[in-house]
Protein backbone atom coordinates (compact mmCIF):
# COMPACT_ATOMS: atom_id res chain seq x y z
CA MET A 1 -13.88 -34.48 -48.32
CA ALA A 2 -12.99 -36.37 -45.15
CA LYS A 3 -14.90 -35.59 -42.03
CA GLU A 4 -12.77 -34.40 -39.12
CA ILE A 5 -14.06 -34.58 -35.56
CA ILE A 6 -12.49 -32.44 -32.90
CA THR A 7 -13.28 -33.07 -29.27
CA ARG A 8 -12.65 -30.21 -26.84
CA LYS A 9 -13.53 -29.54 -23.24
CA ALA A 10 -13.74 -26.19 -21.50
CA SER A 11 -10.74 -27.25 -19.42
CA ASP A 12 -8.65 -27.39 -22.64
CA ASN A 13 -8.93 -23.61 -22.96
CA GLU A 14 -7.15 -20.91 -21.05
CA TYR A 15 -9.37 -19.46 -18.34
CA LEU A 16 -10.59 -16.19 -19.77
CA HIS A 17 -13.64 -14.08 -19.12
CA LYS A 18 -12.93 -10.59 -20.41
CA ASP A 19 -16.57 -9.50 -20.34
CA PHE A 20 -17.64 -11.01 -17.01
CA HIS A 21 -16.86 -7.99 -14.85
CA ILE A 22 -18.48 -5.56 -17.29
CA ALA A 23 -21.59 -7.74 -17.62
CA LEU A 24 -21.89 -7.98 -13.84
CA ASN A 25 -21.70 -4.19 -13.59
CA TYR A 26 -24.47 -3.83 -16.19
CA GLY A 27 -26.63 -6.30 -14.25
CA ILE A 28 -26.18 -4.42 -11.00
CA ASP A 29 -26.88 -1.12 -12.76
CA TYR A 30 -30.10 -2.60 -14.19
CA LEU A 31 -31.25 -3.76 -10.75
CA HIS A 32 -30.54 -0.32 -9.33
CA LYS A 33 -32.42 1.55 -12.07
CA LYS A 34 -35.41 -0.84 -12.15
CA PHE A 35 -35.78 -1.77 -8.48
CA GLY A 36 -33.68 0.65 -6.43
CA GLU A 37 -30.72 0.54 -4.11
CA GLY A 38 -32.35 -1.92 -1.72
CA SER A 39 -32.57 -4.57 -4.44
CA VAL A 40 -28.87 -4.19 -5.22
CA ILE A 41 -27.97 -4.55 -1.55
CA GLU A 42 -30.19 -7.63 -1.18
CA TYR A 43 -28.79 -9.23 -4.34
CA LEU A 44 -25.19 -8.63 -3.28
CA LYS A 45 -25.86 -10.02 0.21
CA GLN A 46 -27.44 -13.18 -1.22
CA PHE A 47 -24.73 -13.61 -3.85
CA ALA A 48 -21.84 -13.05 -1.41
CA ASN A 49 -23.36 -15.37 1.19
CA SER A 50 -23.71 -18.15 -1.37
CA PHE A 51 -20.47 -17.58 -3.29
CA TYR A 52 -18.26 -17.21 -0.22
CA SER A 53 -19.91 -19.98 1.81
CA PRO A 54 -17.08 -22.48 1.14
CA LEU A 55 -14.46 -19.84 1.99
CA LYS A 56 -16.24 -18.95 5.23
CA ARG A 57 -16.37 -22.63 6.20
CA SER A 58 -12.67 -23.05 5.38
CA LEU A 59 -11.82 -19.92 7.36
CA ARG A 60 -13.55 -21.36 10.43
CA GLU A 61 -11.72 -24.68 10.00
CA LYS A 62 -8.23 -23.52 8.98
CA GLY A 63 -7.97 -19.89 9.98
CA LEU A 64 -6.45 -17.05 7.96
CA ILE A 65 -4.43 -19.39 5.74
CA ALA A 66 -7.74 -20.28 4.05
CA VAL A 67 -8.05 -16.69 2.79
CA LYS A 68 -4.44 -16.73 1.58
CA GLU A 69 -5.01 -19.97 -0.34
CA HIS A 70 -8.27 -18.64 -1.79
CA TYR A 71 -6.69 -15.50 -3.23
CA GLU A 72 -3.59 -17.34 -4.44
CA GLU A 73 -5.86 -19.61 -6.49
CA ILE A 74 -8.07 -16.78 -7.80
CA TYR A 75 -5.13 -14.59 -8.80
CA LYS A 76 -3.36 -17.54 -10.42
CA ILE A 77 -6.46 -18.34 -12.49
CA GLU A 78 -6.88 -14.67 -13.42
CA GLY A 79 -3.24 -14.29 -14.44
CA ALA A 80 -2.66 -11.54 -11.89
CA GLU A 81 0.72 -10.34 -10.73
CA PHE A 82 0.75 -10.26 -6.94
CA ASN A 83 2.72 -10.93 -3.80
CA MET A 84 1.64 -11.73 -0.27
CA LYS A 85 2.97 -11.36 3.25
CA PHE A 86 1.41 -13.85 5.62
CA SER A 87 1.67 -14.46 9.34
CA GLN A 88 -0.63 -16.11 11.88
CA ASP A 89 -2.46 -12.81 12.46
CA GLU A 90 -2.06 -10.86 9.24
CA LEU A 91 -2.36 -11.23 5.48
CA ILE A 92 -1.18 -8.42 3.22
CA ILE A 93 -1.87 -8.77 -0.51
CA ASN A 94 -0.17 -6.50 -3.03
CA LEU A 95 -1.98 -6.77 -6.34
CA LEU A 96 0.47 -5.46 -8.91
CA LEU A 97 -1.55 -6.08 -12.07
CA PHE A 98 -4.90 -7.77 -12.54
CA ALA A 99 -5.38 -9.43 -15.95
CA PRO A 100 -8.79 -7.87 -16.78
CA PHE A 101 -7.29 -4.43 -16.17
CA ARG A 102 -4.23 -5.30 -18.27
CA GLN A 103 -6.55 -6.17 -21.17
CA ALA A 104 -8.47 -2.93 -20.75
CA LEU A 105 -5.25 -0.91 -20.83
CA HIS A 106 -4.30 -2.41 -24.19
CA HIS A 107 -7.61 -1.49 -25.87
């Protein structure tokens, strides 16, 4: 039998993480039960500060358009249905359907 080699990269696959949000909820619940509310608050502060650091920097440099671009990219990756109204002083996001919720509705 001939040997077949298949080379794949993560980027070859559709972006999909059905269980991420549920797993994150379980992790936060564990912290709360084991270490209390203060540990959850501290974890979320540290996580948000690290995760959103590039967005905060971009917001300082570019203004509100940085937030618009951020959510356009996230919702595109997630397969969300959305629309936005943007002006110099205001950003309104209407999230019509978020892919993880769509998947949950079908199960």
